[in-house]
């Protein structure tokens, strides 16, 4: 839904197709949850994503939220699996639940920052450089000349 809203905002593709995609995606989103929440919740989420896409929620521009946004994929990948293991480990060690949770939250954010800054961003930069070099070579006219036909 967010990407389709971005396409609408930037004028990529027919607007009606993007809007239709938003409606279909909203239907899929709601049906995956087996109707356990009110359809108004789906509409509210889409409304909030739309406001965010058009820059109408200024609080999201604050540095902590921008940082969370930048590390969100790495955070998504590691928080659940590692978090559950760590929570269980610290719980078995006898630490209070809130202490376990605090440790896991700090660990998850720290790991996501490291993954984003030391792995994801360097790989992305390298791939962009490689793409630019390959694209430049493909656009460059060939230096090999065809033999003249006499």
N, C-alpha and C. Protein backbone atom coordinates (compact mmCIF):
# COMPACT_ATOMS: atom_id res chain seq x y z
N UNK A 1 0.84 -1.18 0.00
CA UNK A 1 0.00 0.00 0.00
C UNK A 1 0.88 1.24 0.00
N UNK A 2 1.91 1.21 0.83
CA UNK A 2 2.82 2.36 0.89
C UNK A 2 3.50 2.63 -0.44
N UNK A 3 3.94 1.57 -1.12
CA UNK A 3 4.60 1.77 -2.40
C UNK A 3 3.63 2.28 -3.45
N UNK A 4 2.41 1.76 -3.45
CA UNK A 4 1.41 2.25 -4.40
C UNK A 4 1.09 3.72 -4.14
N UNK A 5 1.02 4.11 -2.88
CA UNK A 5 0.81 5.53 -2.56
C UNK A 5 1.98 6.38 -3.04
N UNK A 6 3.19 5.84 -2.91
CA UNK A 6 4.36 6.55 -3.42
C UNK A 6 4.26 6.72 -4.93
N UNK A 7 3.82 5.68 -5.63
CA UNK A 7 3.67 5.77 -7.09
C UNK A 7 2.62 6.82 -7.46
N UNK A 8 1.53 6.87 -6.70
CA UNK A 8 0.51 7.89 -6.95
C UNK A 8 1.11 9.28 -6.73
N UNK A 9 1.82 9.44 -5.63
CA UNK A 9 2.42 10.74 -5.28
C UNK A 9 3.40 11.21 -6.34
N UNK A 10 4.20 10.29 -6.88
CA UNK A 10 5.22 10.67 -7.85
C UNK A 10 4.72 10.60 -9.30
N UNK A 11 3.47 10.19 -9.49
CA UNK A 11 2.89 10.16 -10.82
C UNK A 11 3.38 9.03 -11.70
N UNK A 12 3.81 7.93 -11.08
CA UNK A 12 4.29 6.77 -11.84
C UNK A 12 3.11 5.84 -12.11
N UNK A 13 2.87 5.55 -13.38
CA UNK A 13 1.79 4.65 -13.74
C UNK A 13 0.42 5.32 -13.69
N UNK A 14 -0.56 4.65 -14.27
CA UNK A 14 -1.93 5.19 -14.26
C UNK A 14 -2.47 5.26 -12.83
N UNK A 15 -2.98 6.41 -12.47
CA UNK A 15 -3.45 6.63 -11.10
C UNK A 15 -4.55 5.64 -10.74
N UNK A 16 -5.46 5.35 -11.67
CA UNK A 16 -6.58 4.46 -11.35
C UNK A 16 -6.09 3.05 -11.04
N UNK A 17 -5.03 2.60 -11.73
CA UNK A 17 -4.49 1.27 -11.45
C UNK A 17 -3.84 1.22 -10.06
N UNK A 18 -3.13 2.30 -9.73
CA UNK A 18 -2.53 2.36 -8.40
C UNK A 18 -3.59 2.39 -7.31
N UNK A 19 -4.65 3.16 -7.52
CA UNK A 19 -5.75 3.21 -6.54
C UNK A 19 -6.43 1.85 -6.42
N UNK A 20 -6.63 1.18 -7.55
CA UNK A 20 -7.21 -0.16 -7.53
C UNK A 20 -6.31 -1.11 -6.75
N UNK A 21 -5.00 -0.97 -6.94
CA UNK A 21 -4.05 -1.78 -6.19
C UNK A 21 -4.14 -1.54 -4.69
N UNK A 22 -4.34 -0.29 -4.30
CA UNK A 22 -4.50 0.03 -2.88
C UNK A 22 -5.74 -0.66 -2.32
N UNK A 23 -6.85 -0.60 -3.07
CA UNK A 23 -8.09 -1.23 -2.62
C UNK A 23 -7.91 -2.75 -2.49
N UNK A 24 -7.29 -3.37 -3.49
CA UNK A 24 -7.06 -4.82 -3.45
C UNK A 24 -6.13 -5.18 -2.29
N UNK A 25 -5.06 -4.41 -2.12
CA UNK A 25 -4.13 -4.68 -1.03
C UNK A 25 -4.82 -4.51 0.32
N UNK A 26 -5.68 -3.52 0.44
CA UNK A 26 -6.42 -3.33 1.70
C UNK A 26 -7.32 -4.52 1.97
N UNK A 27 -7.97 -5.04 0.91
CA UNK A 27 -8.81 -6.23 1.07
C UNK A 27 -8.00 -7.44 1.51
N UNK A 28 -6.84 -7.61 0.91
CA UNK A 28 -5.96 -8.73 1.28
C UNK A 28 -5.48 -8.55 2.72
N UNK A 29 -5.06 -7.34 3.06
CA UNK A 29 -4.60 -7.04 4.42
C UNK A 29 -5.67 -7.39 5.44
N UNK A 30 -6.89 -6.97 5.16
CA UNK A 30 -7.98 -7.23 6.11
C UNK A 30 -8.33 -8.71 6.17
N UNK A 31 -8.33 -9.39 5.03
CA UNK A 31 -8.73 -10.80 5.03
C UNK A 31 -7.67 -11.71 5.65
N UNK A 32 -6.40 -11.33 5.56
CA UNK A 32 -5.35 -12.13 6.16
C UNK A 32 -5.54 -12.21 7.67
N UNK A 33 -6.06 -11.14 8.24
CA UNK A 33 -6.28 -11.08 9.68
C UNK A 33 -7.55 -11.83 10.07
N UNK A 34 -8.18 -12.49 9.12
CA UNK A 34 -9.40 -13.27 9.35
C UNK A 34 -10.51 -12.43 9.99
N UNK A 35 -10.52 -11.15 9.66
CA UNK A 35 -11.57 -10.28 10.15
C UNK A 35 -11.57 -10.08 11.66
N UNK A 36 -10.42 -10.27 12.29
CA UNK A 36 -10.37 -10.13 13.75
C UNK A 36 -10.34 -8.68 14.20
N UNK A 37 -10.21 -7.76 13.27
CA UNK A 37 -10.29 -6.36 13.65
C UNK A 37 -11.32 -5.65 12.78
N UNK A 38 -11.72 -4.53 13.23
CA UNK A 38 -12.73 -3.74 12.57
C UNK A 38 -12.18 -3.20 11.24
N UNK A 39 -12.98 -3.20 10.17
CA UNK A 39 -12.51 -2.62 8.90
C UNK A 39 -12.09 -1.16 9.05
N UNK A 40 -12.64 -0.50 10.06
CA UNK A 40 -12.22 0.89 10.31
C UNK A 40 -10.74 0.95 10.67
N UNK A 41 -10.22 -0.11 11.31
CA UNK A 41 -8.79 -0.15 11.64
C UNK A 41 -7.96 -0.20 10.36
N UNK A 42 -8.42 -0.97 9.38
CA UNK A 42 -7.72 -1.02 8.09
C UNK A 42 -7.74 0.35 7.44
N UNK A 43 -8.90 1.00 7.44
CA UNK A 43 -9.02 2.34 6.86
C UNK A 43 -8.13 3.34 7.60
N UNK A 44 -8.06 3.23 8.91
CA UNK A 44 -7.22 4.12 9.71
C UNK A 44 -5.75 3.93 9.37
N UNK A 45 -5.33 2.68 9.25
CA UNK A 45 -3.93 2.40 8.91
C UNK A 45 -3.60 2.97 7.53
N UNK A 46 -4.48 2.76 6.56
CA UNK A 46 -4.25 3.29 5.21
C UNK A 46 -4.22 4.82 5.26
N UNK A 47 -5.10 5.41 6.05
CA UNK A 47 -5.11 6.87 6.19
C UNK A 47 -3.80 7.39 6.77
N UNK A 48 -3.30 6.71 7.80
CA UNK A 48 -2.04 7.13 8.42
C UNK A 48 -0.86 6.97 7.46
N UNK A 49 -0.84 5.86 6.71
CA UNK A 49 0.23 5.64 5.73
C UNK A 49 0.16 6.71 4.64
N UNK A 50 -1.06 7.06 4.23
CA UNK A 50 -1.22 8.11 3.21
C UNK A 50 -0.72 9.45 3.72
N UNK A 51 -1.10 9.80 4.96
CA UNK A 51 -0.62 11.06 5.54
C UNK A 51 0.90 11.07 5.64
N UNK A 52 1.48 9.93 6.03
CA UNK A 52 2.94 9.84 6.14
C UNK A 52 3.59 9.98 4.77
N UNK A 53 3.00 9.34 3.75
CA UNK A 53 3.56 9.39 2.39
C UNK A 53 3.58 10.82 1.84
N UNK A 54 2.60 11.62 2.23
CA UNK A 54 2.52 12.99 1.76
C UNK A 54 3.14 13.98 2.73
N UNK A 55 3.86 13.49 3.74
CA UNK A 55 4.59 14.36 4.66
C UNK A 55 3.71 15.16 5.60
N UNK A 56 2.55 14.65 5.93
CA UNK A 56 1.60 15.38 6.77
C UNK A 56 1.67 14.99 8.25
N UNK A 57 2.67 14.19 8.61
CA UNK A 57 2.86 13.82 10.02
C UNK A 57 4.28 14.28 10.39
N UNK A 58 4.42 15.58 10.76
CA UNK A 58 5.77 16.13 10.98
C UNK A 58 6.58 15.43 12.06
N UNK A 59 5.92 14.82 13.03
CA UNK A 59 6.66 14.15 14.10
C UNK A 59 7.54 13.02 13.55
N UNK A 60 7.17 12.47 12.39
CA UNK A 60 7.97 11.40 11.80
C UNK A 60 9.30 11.89 11.25
N UNK A 61 9.48 13.21 11.18
CA UNK A 61 10.74 13.77 10.70
C UNK A 61 11.77 13.95 11.82
N UNK A 62 11.36 13.67 13.06
CA UNK A 62 12.29 13.77 14.18
C UNK A 62 13.36 12.70 14.05
N UNK A 63 14.58 13.06 14.45
CA UNK A 63 15.74 12.17 14.26
C UNK A 63 15.54 10.74 14.78
N UNK A 64 14.98 10.53 15.99
CA UNK A 64 14.80 9.14 16.44
C UNK A 64 13.91 8.32 15.50
N UNK A 65 12.87 8.93 14.96
CA UNK A 65 11.99 8.20 14.05
C UNK A 65 12.65 7.96 12.70
N UNK A 66 13.46 8.91 12.25
CA UNK A 66 14.19 8.73 10.99
C UNK A 66 15.20 7.59 11.15
N UNK A 67 15.86 7.53 12.31
CA UNK A 67 16.82 6.45 12.57
C UNK A 67 16.12 5.10 12.61
N UNK A 68 14.99 5.03 13.30
CA UNK A 68 14.23 3.78 13.35
C UNK A 68 13.80 3.37 11.95
N UNK A 69 13.39 4.34 11.15
CA UNK A 69 13.00 4.04 9.78
C UNK A 69 14.17 3.49 8.98
N UNK A 70 15.36 4.06 9.19
CA UNK A 70 16.54 3.62 8.45
C UNK A 70 16.94 2.19 8.81
N UNK A 71 16.73 1.79 10.06
CA UNK A 71 17.15 0.45 10.50
C UNK A 71 15.97 -0.52 10.55
N UNK A 72 14.81 -0.10 10.07
CA UNK A 72 13.60 -0.90 10.26
C UNK A 72 13.69 -2.30 9.67
N UNK A 73 14.31 -2.45 8.50
CA UNK A 73 14.36 -3.78 7.89
C UNK A 73 15.24 -4.72 8.71
N UNK A 74 16.41 -4.25 9.12
CA UNK A 74 17.28 -5.08 9.94
C UNK A 74 16.62 -5.37 11.29
N UNK A 75 15.93 -4.39 11.83
CA UNK A 75 15.23 -4.59 13.10
C UNK A 75 14.14 -5.64 12.94
N UNK A 76 13.42 -5.56 11.84
CA UNK A 76 12.38 -6.54 11.54
C UNK A 76 12.96 -7.94 11.44
N UNK A 77 14.11 -8.06 10.78
CA UNK A 77 14.70 -9.38 10.56
C UNK A 77 15.19 -10.04 11.85
N UNK A 78 15.71 -9.24 12.77
CA UNK A 78 16.38 -9.87 13.92
C UNK A 78 15.61 -9.79 15.23
N UNK A 79 14.63 -8.91 15.36
CA UNK A 79 14.06 -8.71 16.70
C UNK A 79 13.28 -9.91 17.21
N UNK A 80 12.54 -10.57 16.37
CA UNK A 80 11.67 -11.64 16.86
C UNK A 80 12.45 -12.90 17.22
N UNK A 81 13.19 -13.42 16.26
CA UNK A 81 13.91 -14.68 16.52
C UNK A 81 14.95 -14.53 17.62
N UNK A 82 15.82 -13.54 17.49
CA UNK A 82 16.84 -13.34 18.51
C UNK A 82 16.23 -12.88 19.82
N UNK A 83 15.20 -12.04 19.72
CA UNK A 83 14.54 -11.54 20.92
C UNK A 83 13.93 -12.65 21.75
N UNK A 84 13.27 -13.58 21.10
CA UNK A 84 12.66 -14.69 21.84
C UNK A 84 13.72 -15.55 22.52
N UNK A 85 14.80 -15.82 21.80
CA UNK A 85 15.87 -16.64 22.38
C UNK A 85 16.48 -15.92 23.59
N UNK A 86 16.76 -14.63 23.42
CA UNK A 86 17.36 -13.87 24.52
C UNK A 86 16.41 -13.73 25.71
N UNK A 87 15.13 -13.45 25.42
CA UNK A 87 14.15 -13.35 26.50
C UNK A 87 14.11 -14.64 27.31
N UNK A 88 14.06 -15.74 26.62
CA UNK A 88 14.02 -17.04 27.30
C UNK A 88 15.30 -17.29 28.10
N UNK A 89 16.43 -16.96 27.49
CA UNK A 89 17.71 -17.18 28.17
C UNK A 89 17.81 -16.36 29.45
N UNK A 90 17.49 -15.07 29.35
CA UNK A 90 17.57 -14.21 30.53
C UNK A 90 16.50 -14.57 31.56
N UNK A 91 15.34 -15.00 31.10
CA UNK A 91 14.28 -15.43 32.02
C UNK A 91 14.72 -16.67 32.79
N UNK A 92 15.33 -17.62 32.08
CA UNK A 92 15.83 -18.84 32.73
C UNK A 92 16.96 -18.53 33.72
N UNK A 93 17.66 -17.44 33.45
CA UNK A 93 18.75 -17.03 34.36
C UNK A 93 18.20 -16.34 35.61
N UNK A 94 16.89 -16.08 35.62
CA UNK A 94 16.27 -15.50 36.81
C UNK A 94 16.15 -13.99 36.83
N UNK A 95 16.40 -13.34 35.71
CA UNK A 95 16.25 -11.89 35.67
C UNK A 95 14.78 -11.51 35.65
N UNK A 96 14.42 -10.36 36.21
CA UNK A 96 13.03 -9.91 36.16
C UNK A 96 12.59 -9.66 34.71
N UNK A 97 11.31 -9.89 34.41
CA UNK A 97 10.82 -9.74 33.03
C UNK A 97 11.11 -8.38 32.40
N UNK A 98 10.94 -7.29 33.14
CA UNK A 98 11.20 -5.97 32.56
C UNK A 98 12.68 -5.76 32.23
N UNK A 99 13.54 -6.33 33.03
CA UNK A 99 14.98 -6.26 32.74
C UNK A 99 15.29 -7.06 31.48
N UNK A 100 14.70 -8.24 31.38
CA UNK A 100 14.89 -9.08 30.17
C UNK A 100 14.44 -8.30 28.93
N UNK A 101 13.27 -7.70 29.01
CA UNK A 101 12.72 -6.95 27.87
C UNK A 101 13.63 -5.77 27.52
N UNK A 102 14.09 -5.03 28.52
CA UNK A 102 14.97 -3.88 28.26
C UNK A 102 16.26 -4.32 27.57
N UNK A 103 16.85 -5.41 28.04
CA UNK A 103 18.08 -5.92 27.43
C UNK A 103 17.83 -6.29 25.97
N UNK A 104 16.73 -6.98 25.72
CA UNK A 104 16.42 -7.43 24.35
C UNK A 104 16.16 -6.24 23.43
N UNK A 105 15.46 -5.24 23.93
CA UNK A 105 15.19 -4.05 23.10
C UNK A 105 16.50 -3.35 22.74
N UNK A 106 17.35 -3.13 23.72
CA UNK A 106 18.64 -2.47 23.47
C UNK A 106 19.48 -3.32 22.51
N UNK A 107 19.54 -4.63 22.74
CA UNK A 107 20.31 -5.51 21.87
C UNK A 107 19.77 -5.48 20.44
N UNK A 108 18.45 -5.56 20.27
CA UNK A 108 17.85 -5.57 18.93
C UNK A 108 18.15 -4.28 18.17
N UNK A 109 18.02 -3.14 18.85
CA UNK A 109 18.32 -1.87 18.18
C UNK A 109 19.80 -1.75 17.85
N UNK A 110 20.66 -2.16 18.77
CA UNK A 110 22.10 -2.09 18.52
C UNK A 110 22.49 -2.99 17.34
N UNK A 111 21.97 -4.20 17.32
CA UNK A 111 22.28 -5.13 16.23
C UNK A 111 21.75 -4.60 14.90
N UNK A 112 20.55 -4.03 14.90
CA UNK A 112 19.99 -3.47 13.67
C UNK A 112 20.84 -2.31 13.16
N UNK A 113 21.33 -1.47 14.07
CA UNK A 113 22.22 -0.37 13.67
C UNK A 113 23.50 -0.90 13.04
N UNK A 114 24.09 -1.91 13.65
CA UNK A 114 25.33 -2.49 13.12
C UNK A 114 25.08 -3.13 11.75
N UNK A 115 24.01 -3.91 11.64
CA UNK A 115 23.70 -4.56 10.36
C UNK A 115 23.47 -3.52 9.26
N UNK A 116 22.71 -2.48 9.59
CA UNK A 116 22.40 -1.44 8.59
C UNK A 116 23.66 -0.70 8.18
N UNK A 117 24.45 -0.24 9.16
CA UNK A 117 25.61 0.60 8.87
C UNK A 117 26.82 -0.16 8.34
N UNK A 118 27.00 -1.40 8.77
CA UNK A 118 28.21 -2.14 8.42
C UNK A 118 28.01 -3.18 7.32
N UNK A 119 26.75 -3.57 7.07
CA UNK A 119 26.50 -4.60 6.06
C UNK A 119 25.60 -4.07 4.95
N UNK A 120 24.38 -3.67 5.31
CA UNK A 120 23.39 -3.30 4.30
C UNK A 120 23.83 -2.08 3.48
N UNK A 121 24.20 -0.98 4.13
CA UNK A 121 24.56 0.23 3.40
C UNK A 121 25.83 0.07 2.56
N UNK A 122 26.90 -0.55 3.07
CA UNK A 122 28.07 -0.76 2.20
C UNK A 122 27.77 -1.64 0.98
N UNK A 123 26.98 -2.68 1.17
CA UNK A 123 26.63 -3.55 0.03
C UNK A 123 25.79 -2.77 -0.97
N UNK A 124 24.85 -1.97 -0.49
CA UNK A 124 24.01 -1.16 -1.38
C UNK A 124 24.87 -0.18 -2.18
N UNK A 125 25.82 0.49 -1.52
CA UNK A 125 26.70 1.43 -2.22
C UNK A 125 27.54 0.71 -3.27
N UNK A 126 28.06 -0.46 -2.92
CA UNK A 126 28.88 -1.22 -3.87
C UNK A 126 28.05 -1.66 -5.08
N UNK A 127 26.83 -2.11 -4.83
CA UNK A 127 25.97 -2.53 -5.95
C UNK A 127 25.60 -1.36 -6.84
N UNK A 128 25.37 -0.18 -6.24
CA UNK A 128 25.06 1.01 -7.05
C UNK A 128 26.25 1.42 -7.91
N UNK A 129 27.46 1.35 -7.34
CA UNK A 129 28.66 1.66 -8.12
C UNK A 129 28.83 0.68 -9.28
N UNK A 130 28.63 -0.61 -8.98
CA UNK A 130 28.74 -1.64 -10.01
C UNK A 130 27.73 -1.41 -11.11
N UNK A 131 26.49 -1.11 -10.73
CA UNK A 131 25.44 -0.84 -11.71
C UNK A 131 25.79 0.37 -12.57
N UNK A 132 26.28 1.42 -11.93
CA UNK A 132 26.66 2.63 -12.68
C UNK A 132 27.78 2.32 -13.67
N UNK A 133 28.78 1.54 -13.24
CA UNK A 133 29.89 1.19 -14.13
C UNK A 133 29.42 0.34 -15.31
N UNK A 134 28.60 -0.66 -15.04
CA UNK A 134 28.09 -1.53 -16.11
C UNK A 134 27.21 -0.73 -17.06
N UNK A 135 26.36 0.13 -16.51
CA UNK A 135 25.48 0.96 -17.35
C UNK A 135 26.30 1.88 -18.24
N UNK A 136 27.36 2.47 -17.67
CA UNK A 136 28.20 3.37 -18.45
C UNK A 136 28.88 2.62 -19.59
N UNK A 137 29.35 1.40 -19.32
CA UNK A 137 30.00 0.60 -20.37
C UNK A 137 29.03 0.22 -21.47
N UNK A 138 27.81 -0.09 -21.09
CA UNK A 138 26.81 -0.48 -22.09
C UNK A 138 26.39 0.70 -22.95
N UNK A 139 26.39 1.90 -22.39
CA UNK A 139 25.99 3.10 -23.15
C UNK A 139 27.11 3.61 -24.04
N UNK A 140 28.37 3.31 -23.69
CA UNK A 140 29.52 3.77 -24.44
C UNK A 140 29.55 3.09 -25.80
N UNK A 141 29.78 3.86 -26.87
CA UNK A 141 29.89 3.21 -28.19
C UNK A 141 31.13 2.31 -28.23
N UNK A 142 30.98 1.25 -28.95
CA UNK A 142 32.07 0.28 -29.04
C UNK A 142 33.25 0.88 -29.78
N UNK A 143 34.46 0.59 -29.29
CA UNK A 143 35.68 1.11 -29.95
C UNK A 143 36.09 0.23 -31.12
N UNK A 144 35.47 -0.95 -31.24
CA UNK A 144 35.78 -1.84 -32.36
C UNK A 144 34.98 -1.37 -33.56
N UNK A 145 35.66 -1.13 -34.64
CA UNK A 145 34.98 -0.65 -35.85
C UNK A 145 34.76 -1.81 -36.80
N UNK A 146 33.67 -1.71 -37.50
CA UNK A 146 33.35 -2.73 -38.51
C UNK A 146 34.25 -2.52 -39.72
N UNK A 147 34.71 -3.60 -40.31
CA UNK A 147 35.53 -3.43 -41.53
C UNK A 147 34.66 -2.87 -42.66
N UNK A 148 35.24 -1.99 -43.39
CA UNK A 148 34.49 -1.36 -44.51
C UNK A 148 34.29 -2.37 -45.62
N UNK A 149 33.08 -2.33 -46.16
CA UNK A 149 32.76 -3.25 -47.28
C UNK A 149 33.13 -2.51 -48.56
N UNK A 150 33.98 -3.14 -49.41
CA UNK A 150 34.41 -2.48 -50.63
C UNK A 150 33.59 -2.96 -51.78
